Protein backbone atom coordinates (compact mmCIF):
# COMPACT_ATOMS: atom_id res chain seq x y z
CA MET A 1 23.48 -104.76 -1.42
CA ASN A 2 24.74 -106.20 1.82
CA VAL A 3 23.97 -106.39 5.53
CA ARG A 4 26.23 -103.49 6.59
CA GLU A 5 25.26 -101.26 3.81
CA TYR A 6 21.69 -101.96 4.63
CA TYR A 7 22.05 -101.60 8.15
CA SER A 8 23.40 -98.10 7.92
CA TYR A 9 20.36 -97.16 5.68
CA LEU A 10 18.30 -98.52 8.33
CA SER A 11 20.22 -96.36 11.14
CA ALA A 12 20.00 -93.07 8.88
CA ALA A 13 16.15 -93.96 8.70
CA ARG A 14 15.58 -94.40 12.20
CA ALA A 15 17.53 -91.03 13.27
CA GLN A 16 15.45 -89.30 11.01
CA LEU A 17 12.39 -91.12 12.33
CA TRP A 18 13.19 -90.44 16.02
CA ASN A 19 13.88 -86.47 15.35
CA PHE A 20 10.52 -86.28 13.81
CA LEU A 21 8.44 -88.64 16.81
CA ARG A 22 10.29 -86.18 19.15
CA ALA A 23 8.24 -83.06 17.59
CA LEU A 24 5.15 -84.61 17.88
CA PRO A 25 2.83 -84.35 20.97
CA PRO A 26 3.19 -87.18 23.60
CA ALA A 27 -0.50 -88.06 23.22
CA ASP A 28 -0.48 -88.72 19.39
CA LEU A 29 2.67 -91.41 20.27
CA ASP A 30 0.11 -93.07 23.11
CA ARG A 31 -2.69 -92.95 21.31
CA ASP A 32 -4.41 -96.55 20.59
CA LEU A 33 -4.85 -96.58 16.96
CA MET A 34 -4.91 -100.34 16.87
CA GLU A 35 -7.99 -101.18 19.00
CA SER A 36 -7.96 -104.54 17.96
CA GLY A 37 -4.38 -105.36 17.85
CA ASP A 38 -2.84 -108.16 20.15
CA ARG A 39 -0.17 -106.58 21.83
CA PHE A 40 0.93 -103.31 19.86
CA HIS A 41 -1.54 -100.52 19.90
CA SER A 42 0.54 -97.44 19.72
CA ILE A 43 3.55 -96.02 17.86
CA LYS A 44 5.48 -95.91 21.01
CA ASP A 45 4.22 -99.58 21.56
CA LEU A 46 5.83 -100.64 17.63
CA LEU A 47 9.16 -98.48 18.43
CA LEU A 48 9.85 -100.61 21.79
CA HIS A 49 8.90 -104.00 20.05
CA VAL A 50 11.50 -103.32 16.99
CA THR A 51 14.33 -102.43 19.29
CA ASP A 52 13.50 -105.29 21.60
CA VAL A 53 13.45 -107.62 18.59
CA GLU A 54 17.12 -106.45 17.35
CA ASP A 55 18.06 -106.81 20.34
CA HIS A 56 16.94 -110.41 21.10
CA TRP A 57 18.02 -111.88 17.83
CA VAL A 58 21.13 -110.24 17.43
CA HIS A 59 22.33 -109.27 21.13
CA GLY A 60 20.51 -112.18 22.80
CA ILE A 61 20.64 -115.20 20.29
CA VAL A 62 23.92 -114.18 18.26
CA ILE A 63 26.22 -112.51 20.74
CA GLY A 64 24.75 -113.64 24.04
CA ASP A 65 24.74 -110.09 25.72
CA SER A 66 21.27 -109.00 25.71
CA VAL A 67 20.67 -105.34 26.19
CA HIS A 68 17.07 -105.88 27.71
CA GLN A 69 18.29 -105.79 31.23
CA GLN A 70 19.16 -102.50 31.20
CA TYR A 71 16.04 -101.81 30.22
CA PRO A 72 13.46 -103.78 32.08
CA HIS A 73 9.97 -103.88 30.64
CA ASP A 74 7.67 -106.56 29.53
CA TRP A 75 8.77 -107.35 26.14
CA VAL A 76 5.66 -109.62 25.33
CA ARG A 77 3.11 -106.87 25.63
CA PRO A 78 5.18 -103.51 26.21
CA GLN A 79 2.20 -101.37 27.17
CA ALA A 80 4.71 -98.43 26.30
CA THR A 81 2.68 -95.64 27.19
CA GLN A 82 4.26 -96.11 30.73
CA TYR A 83 7.44 -94.96 28.91
CA ASP A 84 8.89 -91.74 28.59
CA LEU A 85 10.09 -91.79 24.32
CA ASN A 86 13.49 -90.63 25.35
CA TRP A 87 13.48 -93.74 27.56
CA ILE A 88 12.77 -96.17 24.39
CA LEU A 89 14.90 -94.03 22.29
CA GLU A 90 17.82 -94.80 24.46
CA TYR A 91 17.47 -98.34 24.53
CA GLY A 92 17.34 -97.98 20.90
CA ARG A 93 20.39 -96.17 20.45
CA GLU A 94 22.36 -98.69 22.53
CA VAL A 95 20.90 -101.63 21.09
CA SER A 96 21.66 -100.09 17.17
CA GLY A 97 25.15 -98.97 18.54
CA ARG A 98 25.78 -102.23 19.86
CA THR A 99 24.47 -103.48 16.27
CA ALA A 100 26.74 -101.54 14.20
CA ALA A 101 29.51 -102.46 16.46
CA PHE A 102 29.04 -105.98 15.48
CA LEU A 103 28.30 -105.62 12.02
CA ASP A 104 31.77 -103.07 12.07
CA SER A 105 33.67 -106.42 13.09
CA GLU A 106 33.15 -108.32 10.08
CA PRO A 107 31.14 -111.47 11.62
CA ASP A 108 30.88 -114.41 9.57
CA LEU A 109 27.46 -113.91 7.69
CA ASN A 110 27.58 -117.64 6.70
CA ARG A 111 27.64 -118.84 10.33
CA SER A 112 25.19 -121.02 11.18
CA VAL A 113 22.97 -119.72 14.49
CA LYS A 114 20.46 -121.55 16.41
CA LEU A 115 17.17 -120.14 16.41
CA VAL A 116 16.58 -121.65 20.16
CA GLN A 117 19.99 -121.47 21.88
CA ASP A 118 18.71 -124.27 24.74
CA ASP A 119 17.30 -126.70 22.20
CA PRO A 120 19.56 -128.99 20.57
CA ALA A 121 17.18 -129.98 17.62
CA SER A 122 16.48 -126.22 17.02
CA ASP A 123 16.19 -125.09 13.57
CA THR A 124 19.42 -122.86 12.20
CA VAL A 125 19.89 -119.96 9.78
CA THR A 126 22.83 -118.06 8.52
CA LEU A 127 23.89 -115.08 10.44
CA ASP A 128 23.19 -113.21 7.18
CA GLN A 129 19.56 -114.74 6.78
CA LEU A 130 19.01 -113.60 10.61
CA LEU A 131 20.47 -110.06 10.18
CA TRP A 132 17.88 -109.57 7.25
CA ASN A 133 14.95 -111.03 9.20
CA VAL A 134 15.71 -108.33 11.26
CA MET A 135 16.26 -105.14 9.02
CA THR A 136 12.77 -106.87 6.93
CA HIS A 137 11.09 -106.68 10.40
CA GLU A 138 12.05 -102.98 11.26
CA VAL A 139 10.79 -101.91 7.90
CA ARG A 140 7.54 -103.76 7.85
CA HIS A 141 6.87 -102.06 11.23
CA THR A 142 8.32 -98.23 10.19
CA ALA A 143 5.97 -98.72 7.58
CA GLN A 144 2.99 -99.35 10.06
CA ILE A 145 4.38 -96.20 12.32
CA ALA A 146 4.23 -94.07 8.85
CA LEU A 147 0.65 -95.16 8.48
CA MET A 148 -0.39 -94.11 12.10
CA ILE A 149 1.34 -90.92 11.59
CA ARG A 150 -0.53 -90.15 8.57
CA GLN A 151 -3.82 -91.75 10.78
CA LEU A 152 -3.03 -88.78 13.23
CA GLY A 153 -2.89 -86.06 10.55
CA HIS A 154 0.70 -85.80 10.34
CA THR A 155 2.90 -86.05 7.21
CA PRO A 156 5.73 -88.89 8.05
CA PRO A 157 9.48 -88.08 7.33
CA TRP A 158 10.41 -89.50 3.61
CA LEU A 159 12.51 -92.80 4.82
CA ASP A 160 12.82 -94.19 1.26
CA TYR A 161 16.15 -95.95 0.84
CA MET A 162 16.99 -93.82 -2.23
CA ARG A 163 16.81 -90.37 -0.15
CA PHE A 164 19.77 -92.07 1.97
CA ALA A 165 21.61 -93.74 -1.02
CA ARG A 166 24.77 -92.20 -2.47
CA PRO A 167 24.81 -91.25 -5.87
CA GLN A 168 26.92 -93.43 -8.02
CA VAL A 169 28.35 -91.91 -11.28
CA THR A 170 27.75 -94.23 -14.28
CA ALA A 171 30.44 -94.83 -17.33
CA GLU A 172 28.51 -92.95 -19.46
CA GLN A 173 28.25 -89.81 -17.04
CA ALA A 174 31.99 -90.15 -16.06
CA SER A 175 32.91 -89.74 -20.00
CA ALA A 176 30.48 -87.05 -20.69
CA ASP A 177 32.21 -85.07 -17.69
CA ALA A 178 35.62 -85.76 -18.69
CA PRO A 179 37.84 -83.02 -20.71
CA ASP A 180 38.33 -84.17 -24.20
CA LEU A 181 41.98 -84.45 -24.40
CA ASP A 182 42.44 -84.27 -28.24
CA ALA A 183 40.32 -81.13 -28.57
CA ASP A 184 42.87 -79.80 -25.92
CA SER A 185 46.06 -80.70 -27.78
CA ASP A 186 45.30 -78.45 -30.89
CA ASP A 187 45.77 -75.27 -28.63
CA LEU A 188 49.08 -76.63 -27.63
């Protein structure tokens, strides 16, 4: 599995989740389900946070062209109840579209990336490591969102990788499906 393949899966799963969330009552998306939580209390808080993290790392740190300025909000404490779901999803579409285009450009995944741009002593990671961090972060929060959906009495969409994986034909299946050419030669 590589970064591009996994990001394609995440994009497909994200689209399914967003379509599902559009059908939920707005009050459910804003309900505080993590009362003891420090910053993220609702489904919309987590949606906004996931987009912020991808925008920060991929577009702010790696590319140097963050989308955040087009969608002004407090990314530390998003308090997403003040935003319409469609605004959050539009921000998410902008960020994910730019990330997909970046990955399509086939960047050097072994390239070193400084985690703090204005600190000469900053730790560095490879672009591949940074992208896996961003994607793993999204998966973890998507699981939290699925749990919140269940807490609200709904059944979340099935977002497992296997739902989106393309079936691969094994050598055994291919040989079992292939016509037996020797048997056909007797009929000639």
